[in-house]
Structures are given as structure tokens and as C-alpha cells.
């Protein structure tokens, strides 16, 4: 089931396909799971489409991330 995490300090929100992915991101990139609030995403919100890593990057970073891909 989809999961959304919200940072406790700056209210940044990120959606993931499942809780395992959300916990991994929070632990490795987000300073630890203790800094995030985990929420199950309702089906209606899930239909909007998942965010990808490049959606979170600045435009130049996204361009660099896509280099070498068809």
C-alpha cells in the first residue's frame, strides 16, 4: 500500500509505493525515521500518480540523472 511521509520540522512531504521504500528513504536520506510521520495513502490520492526521484530534483539535477538513458 502506498505511503506518504511528512518531515516533522519542515513539513516536506514525499509519497512512496510502499512503507518499506518510505522507511528506507527516511533512514538513509532523511536523517532517520524518527524525523518523519508515516501515513497510509488512500486509493483516491494514489491515482494521482507516484512521485519519482527526479520529480524531487532541481531541473539541472534531473537532466543529469537522465543522461545516458534513451
Protein backbone atom coordinates (compact mmCIF):
# COMPACT_ATOMS: atom_id res chain seq x y z
CA UNK A 1 0.00 0.00 0.00
CA UNK A 2 1.24 3.50 -0.79
CA UNK A 3 2.78 5.57 1.98
CA UNK A 4 3.39 9.29 2.42
CA UNK A 5 5.98 10.67 4.80
CA UNK A 6 5.97 14.18 6.25
CA UNK A 7 9.05 15.73 7.84
CA UNK A 8 8.40 16.77 11.45
CA UNK A 9 10.30 20.07 11.17
CA UNK A 10 9.85 21.49 7.66
CA UNK A 11 6.60 19.72 6.54
CA UNK A 12 8.24 18.29 3.40
CA UNK A 13 6.02 15.50 2.02
CA UNK A 14 7.10 12.59 -0.17
CA UNK A 15 4.98 9.69 -1.45
CA UNK A 16 6.25 6.15 -1.96
CA UNK A 17 4.81 2.96 -3.43
CA UNK A 18 5.09 1.19 -0.07
CA UNK A 19 6.13 1.71 3.53
CA UNK A 20 9.39 -0.20 3.13
CA UNK A 21 10.56 2.28 0.48
CA UNK A 22 9.48 5.21 2.65
CA UNK A 23 11.35 3.88 5.69
CA UNK A 24 14.48 3.22 3.63
CA UNK A 25 14.45 6.79 2.26
CA UNK A 26 13.83 8.28 5.71
CA UNK A 27 16.63 6.22 7.25
CA UNK A 28 19.26 6.81 4.57
CA UNK A 29 18.45 10.23 3.09
CA UNK A 30 16.10 11.84 5.58
CA UNK A 31 18.12 11.77 8.79
CA UNK A 32 16.29 8.83 10.36
CA UNK A 33 12.75 7.54 10.65
CA UNK A 34 12.28 9.44 13.91
CA UNK A 35 12.20 12.70 11.88
CA UNK A 36 9.21 11.64 9.76
CA UNK A 37 5.49 10.95 10.21
CA UNK A 38 4.30 7.94 8.16
CA UNK A 39 0.78 7.95 6.67
CA UNK A 40 -1.03 5.37 4.53
CA UNK A 41 -2.22 6.99 1.29
CA UNK A 42 -5.91 6.49 0.40
CA UNK A 43 -6.72 4.98 -3.00
CA UNK A 44 -8.02 8.28 -4.43
CA UNK A 45 -4.74 10.05 -3.70
CA UNK A 46 -2.73 7.14 -5.11
CA UNK A 47 -4.44 7.56 -8.51
CA UNK A 48 -2.71 10.93 -8.94
CA UNK A 49 0.48 9.02 -9.71
CA UNK A 50 3.62 8.33 -7.73
CA UNK A 51 6.42 10.82 -7.38
CA UNK A 52 9.73 9.78 -8.84
CA UNK A 53 13.17 10.67 -7.59
CA UNK A 54 13.66 13.09 -10.49
CA UNK A 55 10.45 14.92 -9.53
CA UNK A 56 12.23 15.91 -6.33
CA UNK A 57 15.36 17.22 -8.04
CA UNK A 58 16.05 20.66 -9.43
CA UNK A 59 15.77 20.79 -13.26
CA UNK A 60 19.54 20.64 -13.87
CA UNK A 61 19.93 17.70 -11.49
CA UNK A 62 17.06 15.90 -13.24
CA UNK A 63 18.76 16.41 -16.61
CA UNK A 64 21.99 14.94 -15.24
CA UNK A 65 20.10 12.00 -13.78
CA UNK A 66 18.63 11.16 -17.20
CA UNK A 67 21.90 11.29 -19.14
CA UNK A 68 22.73 8.04 -20.84
CA UNK A 69 19.14 6.86 -20.81
CA UNK A 70 17.17 6.54 -24.09
